[in-house]
């Protein structure tokens, strides 16, 4: 499939503005997660749920919960974001994989507002902080045993009575893109997958990052020269045959964290293997595709809808 290049448009993004406006209000309310008092505590199947009063444009349509769930005998922190109207409903499950490492990139108010946007469109969204992050037990492993935290969250989400067990999509950002590829490597199939600015080659990721991130990777994963298998096991370009779901790749050509050639390595392999994919390269787009908020979310929405309609 041909690459689609979109020229940058510099203007105030309506939805982005709304999220920013409400994010400021939420952050004034509470420091860490940007949520008000926790209430309606509930437990089921070893999963603890705490309802959060998150201020967002979608508050009247969506419920947000902090959850603590078991994974490899650890207590992992995560989130459940769902439509308020769940009576006699069966919504698709959306698995969101966050970026960053340790406390950097941790799911906070801004991310929960974004996930609320998807819940308002009719998805039950689950997201994990990963082990060693955001109050979870354990140690950050950046693409090793922490994949179990994603797999166990999916199993729990699929059992929710208002989830359509036959419909499941995934959205991964940056490091979360790597986690999404690893989820497919572990045999999980989705109706549709979206990876935004995702890591595909950990060797290239290491080589092109600065001293600070190199040190983070050496601390968590190890030196690539000493432990090449650890880097290969996290890099989808070494096992792209495991990509088992229709894949939309969104990437900026001015991404200073994950270079766009990482995506293009994978695209070349997917093309050779006859996999279903679409690659969108945004001209002058940065790592979070800041100037393209409306455009990339429209792409995601369309990709999910097209493939869910096939069920």
Protein backbone atom coordinates (compact mmCIF):
# COMPACT_ATOMS: atom_id res chain seq x y z
CA UNK A 1 0.00 0.00 0.00
CA UNK A 2 1.34 3.44 -0.88
CA UNK A 3 2.43 5.83 1.82
CA UNK A 4 0.05 8.74 2.40
CA UNK A 5 1.80 12.04 3.09
CA UNK A 6 -0.23 14.82 4.66
CA UNK A 7 1.06 18.39 4.72
CA UNK A 8 1.09 20.10 8.09
CA UNK A 9 -1.65 22.61 8.83
CA UNK A 10 -0.94 25.07 11.62
CA UNK A 11 -4.19 26.00 13.28
CA UNK A 12 -5.89 25.62 16.62
CA UNK A 13 -7.27 22.09 16.87
CA UNK A 14 -10.77 22.08 18.25
CA UNK A 15 -10.62 18.80 20.11
CA UNK A 16 -7.05 19.38 21.20
CA UNK A 17 -8.11 22.73 22.62
CA UNK A 18 -10.96 21.14 24.55
CA UNK A 19 -8.66 18.53 26.06
CA UNK A 20 -6.13 21.18 26.99
CA UNK A 21 -8.81 23.37 28.57
CA UNK A 22 -10.30 20.55 30.62
CA UNK A 23 -6.85 19.22 31.45
CA UNK A 24 -5.99 22.51 33.13
CA UNK A 25 -9.17 22.33 35.21
CA UNK A 26 -8.48 18.73 36.16
CA UNK A 27 -4.88 19.40 37.12
CA UNK A 28 -5.99 22.27 39.34
CA UNK A 29 -8.36 19.85 41.08
CA UNK A 30 -5.84 17.18 42.03
CA UNK A 31 -2.10 16.74 41.55
CA UNK A 32 -1.16 13.20 40.59
CA UNK A 33 -3.90 11.87 38.33
CA UNK A 34 -5.93 15.03 38.00
CA UNK A 35 -9.04 13.40 39.43
CA UNK A 36 -11.26 14.31 42.32
CA UNK A 37 -12.19 12.12 45.25
CA UNK A 38 -12.43 8.39 44.71
CA UNK A 39 -15.74 6.73 45.42
CA UNK A 40 -17.90 3.66 44.70
CA UNK A 41 -15.20 1.14 45.54
CA UNK A 42 -15.93 -2.35 44.22
CA UNK A 43 -14.14 -5.66 43.86
CA UNK A 44 -14.71 -8.67 41.64
CA UNK A 45 -12.54 -11.59 40.58
CA UNK A 46 -9.49 -10.21 42.43
CA UNK A 47 -9.79 -6.90 40.57
CA UNK A 48 -10.31 -3.79 42.68
CA UNK A 49 -12.22 -0.92 41.02
CA UNK A 50 -12.33 2.66 42.23
CA UNK A 51 -14.56 5.09 40.39
CA UNK A 52 -12.90 8.41 39.56
CA UNK A 53 -14.61 11.74 39.06
CA UNK A 54 -12.56 12.96 36.10
CA UNK A 55 -13.37 16.36 34.69
CA UNK A 56 -13.54 16.14 30.90
CA UNK A 57 -15.81 17.07 27.99
CA UNK A 58 -17.13 13.49 28.15
CA UNK A 59 -18.00 13.30 31.86
CA UNK A 60 -21.73 13.00 31.18
CA UNK A 61 -21.22 10.04 28.83
CA UNK A 62 -18.36 8.09 30.38
CA UNK A 63 -17.35 6.42 33.65
CA UNK A 64 -13.66 6.19 34.59
CA UNK A 65 -12.26 3.64 37.04
CA UNK A 66 -8.84 3.04 38.51
CA UNK A 67 -8.26 -0.70 38.77
CA UNK A 68 -5.79 -2.95 40.54
CA UNK A 69 -5.52 -6.40 38.98
CA UNK A 70 -3.30 -9.48 39.41
CA UNK A 71 -0.51 -10.36 37.00
CA UNK A 72 2.21 -12.92 37.84
CA UNK A 73 1.41 -12.58 41.55
CA UNK A 74 1.85 -8.81 41.35
CA UNK A 75 -0.75 -6.10 41.89
CA UNK A 76 -0.83 -3.96 38.75
CA UNK A 77 -2.46 -0.55 38.38
CA UNK A 78 -4.58 0.23 35.37
CA UNK A 79 -7.74 1.93 34.17
CA UNK A 80 -11.17 1.06 32.83
CA UNK A 81 -13.00 3.74 30.84
CA UNK A 82 -16.48 2.87 29.60
CA UNK A 83 -19.77 4.34 28.42
CA UNK A 84 -22.25 5.12 31.19
CA UNK A 85 -25.00 3.27 29.35
CA UNK A 86 -24.03 -0.40 29.75
CA UNK A 87 -27.45 -1.92 30.41
CA UNK A 88 -28.05 -4.68 27.84
CA UNK A 89 -25.14 -3.37 25.75
CA UNK A 90 -22.11 -5.14 24.29
CA UNK A 91 -19.31 -2.80 23.28
CA UNK A 92 -16.00 -3.56 21.53
CA UNK A 93 -12.97 -3.77 23.80
CA UNK A 94 -10.22 -1.22 23.11
CA UNK A 95 -6.80 -2.08 24.57
CA UNK A 96 -4.62 1.02 25.00
CA UNK A 97 -0.88 0.62 25.56
CA UNK A 98 0.85 3.71 26.94
CA UNK A 99 4.30 4.97 26.05
CA UNK A 100 7.24 5.95 28.21
CA UNK A 101 9.08 4.12 30.96
CA UNK A 102 8.64 4.09 34.71
CA UNK A 103 6.99 7.38 35.72
CA UNK A 104 7.72 9.05 32.38
CA UNK A 105 4.64 8.65 30.22
CA UNK A 106 2.54 7.39 33.13
CA UNK A 107 -1.22 7.52 32.52
CA UNK A 108 -2.52 10.75 34.03
CA UNK A 109 -5.52 13.04 33.57
CA UNK A 110 -4.69 14.03 30.00
CA UNK A 111 -4.48 10.40 28.87
CA UNK A 112 -7.69 9.51 30.71
CA UNK A 113 -9.44 12.37 28.94
CA UNK A 114 -8.22 10.98 25.63
CA UNK A 115 -9.41 7.49 26.53
CA UNK A 116 -12.73 9.01 27.56
CA UNK A 117 -13.06 10.32 24.02
CA UNK A 118 -12.91 6.74 22.72
CA UNK A 119 -15.29 5.46 25.38
CA UNK A 120 -17.75 8.19 24.35
CA UNK A 121 -17.63 6.71 20.84
CA UNK A 122 -18.75 3.31 22.11
CA UNK A 123 -15.67 1.41 23.29
CA UNK A 124 -14.83 -0.16 26.63
CA UNK A 125 -11.23 0.93 27.11
CA UNK A 126 -8.66 -0.83 29.30
CA UNK A 127 -5.12 0.43 29.92
CA UNK A 128 -2.27 -0.65 32.17
CA UNK A 129 0.48 1.33 33.88
CA UNK A 130 2.71 -1.81 33.61
CA UNK A 131 4.63 -3.33 36.50
CA UNK A 132 6.95 -1.01 38.37
CA UNK A 133 4.99 2.02 37.16
CA UNK A 134 2.26 4.25 38.55
CA UNK A 135 1.87 2.41 41.85
CA UNK A 136 2.11 -1.11 40.40
CA UNK A 137 4.17 -3.72 42.17
CA UNK A 138 7.25 -5.20 40.52
CA UNK A 139 10.00 -3.73 38.39
CA UNK A 140 9.89 -2.04 34.99
CA UNK A 141 11.05 -4.47 32.28
CA UNK A 142 10.25 -2.46 29.12
CA UNK A 143 8.97 -5.25 26.93
CA UNK A 144 9.81 -8.42 28.85
CA UNK A 145 7.59 -9.86 31.60
CA UNK A 146 5.46 -6.72 31.57
CA UNK A 147 3.72 -8.07 28.48
CA UNK A 148 1.91 -10.36 30.93
CA UNK A 149 0.35 -7.23 32.41
CA UNK A 150 -1.22 -6.48 29.03
CA UNK A 151 -2.30 -10.08 28.40
CA UNK A 152 -3.89 -10.47 31.83
CA UNK A 153 -5.71 -7.15 31.48
CA UNK A 154 -7.15 -8.26 28.14
CA UNK A 155 -8.41 -11.51 29.66
CA UNK A 156 -10.15 -9.56 32.40
CA UNK A 157 -11.61 -7.00 29.98
CA UNK A 158 -13.02 -9.70 27.72
CA UNK A 159 -14.99 -11.12 30.67
CA UNK A 160 -16.87 -7.90 31.40
CA UNK A 161 -20.58 -8.58 30.76
CA UNK A 162 -21.06 -5.47 28.62
CA UNK A 163 -18.11 -6.25 26.31
CA UNK A 164 -18.66 -7.92 22.95
CA UNK A 165 -16.31 -10.88 23.29
CA UNK A 166 -15.99 -11.12 19.51
CA UNK A 167 -14.79 -7.54 18.98
CA UNK A 168 -11.42 -6.27 20.11
CA UNK A 169 -9.10 -3.49 18.88
CA UNK A 170 -5.77 -2.11 20.09
CA UNK A 171 -4.05 1.28 20.13
CA UNK A 172 -0.39 1.64 21.10
CA UNK A 173 1.71 4.79 21.36
CA UNK A 174 5.53 4.88 21.25
CA UNK A 175 6.75 2.19 23.69
CA UNK A 176 3.11 1.10 23.71
CA UNK A 177 3.47 0.32 20.02
CA UNK A 178 6.19 -2.16 20.92
CA UNK A 179 3.90 -3.62 23.59
CA UNK A 180 1.11 -3.94 21.02
CA UNK A 181 3.38 -5.83 18.63
CA UNK A 182 4.44 -8.08 21.52
CA UNK A 183 0.77 -8.74 22.30
CA UNK A 184 0.30 -10.08 18.78
CA UNK A 185 3.55 -12.03 19.12
CA UNK A 186 1.91 -13.76 22.08
CA UNK A 187 -0.96 -14.90 19.88
CA UNK A 188 -3.62 -12.28 20.63
CA UNK A 189 -5.59 -11.35 17.50
CA UNK A 190 -7.48 -8.09 17.10
CA UNK A 191 -10.07 -6.93 14.61
CA UNK A 192 -7.86 -3.88 14.05
CA UNK A 193 -4.63 -2.47 15.46
CA UNK A 194 -3.26 1.08 15.41
CA UNK A 195 0.33 1.94 16.30
CA UNK A 196 1.29 5.60 16.60
CA UNK A 197 4.99 6.53 16.60
CA UNK A 198 5.80 3.00 17.70
CA UNK A 199 9.16 1.32 18.27
CA UNK A 200 9.84 -1.45 15.76
CA UNK A 201 13.63 -1.81 16.09
CA UNK A 202 15.17 -1.51 19.55
CA UNK A 203 18.72 -1.44 18.16
CA UNK A 204 17.93 1.61 16.03
CA UNK A 205 15.97 3.14 18.90
CA UNK A 206 19.03 2.80 21.15
CA UNK A 207 21.47 4.11 18.53
CA UNK A 208 19.44 7.21 17.71
CA UNK A 209 18.62 8.32 21.25
CA UNK A 210 20.72 10.59 23.44
CA UNK A 211 22.91 9.65 26.43
CA UNK A 212 20.06 9.86 28.96
CA UNK A 213 17.76 7.42 27.16
CA UNK A 214 20.68 5.14 26.34
CA UNK A 215 21.39 4.91 30.07
CA UNK A 216 17.73 4.15 30.79
CA UNK A 217 17.79 1.31 28.25
CA UNK A 218 21.07 -0.09 29.58
CA UNK A 219 19.63 -0.04 33.10
CA UNK A 220 16.31 -1.70 32.23
CA UNK A 221 17.10 -3.89 29.22
CA UNK A 222 20.90 -4.10 29.22
CA UNK A 223 23.59 -3.07 26.77
CA UNK A 224 22.60 -4.13 23.23
CA UNK A 225 26.14 -5.29 22.50
CA UNK A 226 26.04 -7.65 25.49
CA UNK A 227 22.39 -8.70 25.27
CA UNK A 228 21.37 -8.60 21.58
CA UNK A 229 18.66 -11.23 22.07
CA UNK A 230 16.86 -8.97 24.54
CA UNK A 231 16.69 -6.27 21.90
CA UNK A 232 15.64 -8.66 19.13
CA UNK A 233 12.87 -10.14 21.26
CA UNK A 234 11.37 -6.65 21.62
CA UNK A 235 11.77 -5.65 17.96
CA UNK A 236 8.93 -6.59 15.60
CA UNK A 237 11.21 -6.24 12.55
CA UNK A 238 12.84 -9.52 13.66
CA UNK A 239 9.54 -11.42 13.83
CA UNK A 240 7.11 -9.46 11.65
CA UNK A 241 5.43 -12.72 10.64
CA UNK A 242 3.74 -12.57 14.06
CA UNK A 243 1.73 -9.49 13.04
CA UNK A 244 -1.67 -11.14 12.80
CA UNK A 245 -4.17 -8.26 12.63
CA UNK A 246 -4.98 -5.41 10.21
CA UNK A 247 -2.45 -2.72 11.11
CA UNK A 248 -2.59 1.07 10.78
CA UNK A 249 0.79 2.76 11.34
CA UNK A 250 0.81 6.52 12.05
CA UNK A 251 4.16 8.29 11.99
CA UNK A 252 5.65 11.78 11.76
CA UNK A 253 8.64 12.44 9.55
CA UNK A 254 10.12 14.85 12.14
CA UNK A 255 9.84 12.43 15.06
CA UNK A 256 13.00 12.93 17.15
CA UNK A 257 12.31 9.96 19.46
CA UNK A 258 11.27 7.18 17.08
CA UNK A 259 12.63 7.84 13.61
CA UNK A 260 10.19 7.26 10.77
CA UNK A 261 12.56 4.78 9.12
CA UNK A 262 11.70 2.36 11.93
CA UNK A 263 8.12 2.26 10.67
CA UNK A 264 9.30 1.95 7.09
CA UNK A 265 11.41 -1.12 7.86
CA UNK A 266 8.28 -2.84 9.14
CA UNK A 267 6.14 -1.57 6.26
CA UNK A 268 8.57 -3.11 3.76
CA UNK A 269 8.32 -6.49 5.51
CA UNK A 270 4.52 -6.35 5.78
CA UNK A 271 4.32 -5.54 2.09
CA UNK A 272 6.55 -8.49 1.19
CA UNK A 273 4.43 -10.81 3.37
CA UNK A 274 1.13 -9.61 1.93
CA UNK A 275 -0.16 -8.39 5.30
CA UNK A 276 -3.06 -5.96 5.57
CA UNK A 277 -1.76 -2.57 6.64
CA UNK A 278 -1.94 1.16 6.01
CA UNK A 279 0.94 3.56 6.61
CA UNK A 280 0.32 7.28 7.09
CA UNK A 281 3.36 9.56 7.26
CA UNK A 282 2.62 13.10 8.48
CA UNK A 283 4.82 15.82 7.01
CA UNK A 284 6.66 17.76 9.76
CA UNK A 285 4.87 15.58 12.32
CA UNK A 286 6.56 15.27 15.73
CA UNK A 287 6.50 12.26 18.07
CA UNK A 288 2.96 12.84 19.46
CA UNK A 289 1.75 14.22 16.09
CA UNK A 290 0.75 17.39 17.91
CA UNK A 291 -0.40 19.34 14.84
CA UNK A 292 -2.47 16.45 13.51
CA UNK A 293 -4.76 15.61 16.41
CA UNK A 294 -8.00 15.71 14.42
CA UNK A 295 -6.51 13.99 11.38
CA UNK A 296 -4.90 11.03 13.10
CA UNK A 297 -7.92 10.38 15.32
CA UNK A 298 -10.13 10.40 12.22
CA UNK A 299 -7.79 7.79 10.71
CA UNK A 300 -8.02 5.65 13.86
CA UNK A 301 -11.80 5.95 14.01
CA UNK A 302 -12.19 4.97 10.37
CA UNK A 303 -9.77 2.01 10.68
CA UNK A 304 -11.58 0.61 13.70
CA UNK A 305 -15.05 1.07 12.19
CA UNK A 306 -14.15 -0.52 8.85
CA UNK A 307 -12.75 -3.66 10.43
CA UNK A 308 -15.31 -4.00 13.22
CA UNK A 309 -18.03 -3.80 10.57
CA UNK A 310 -16.64 -6.98 9.02
CA UNK A 311 -17.61 -8.99 12.10
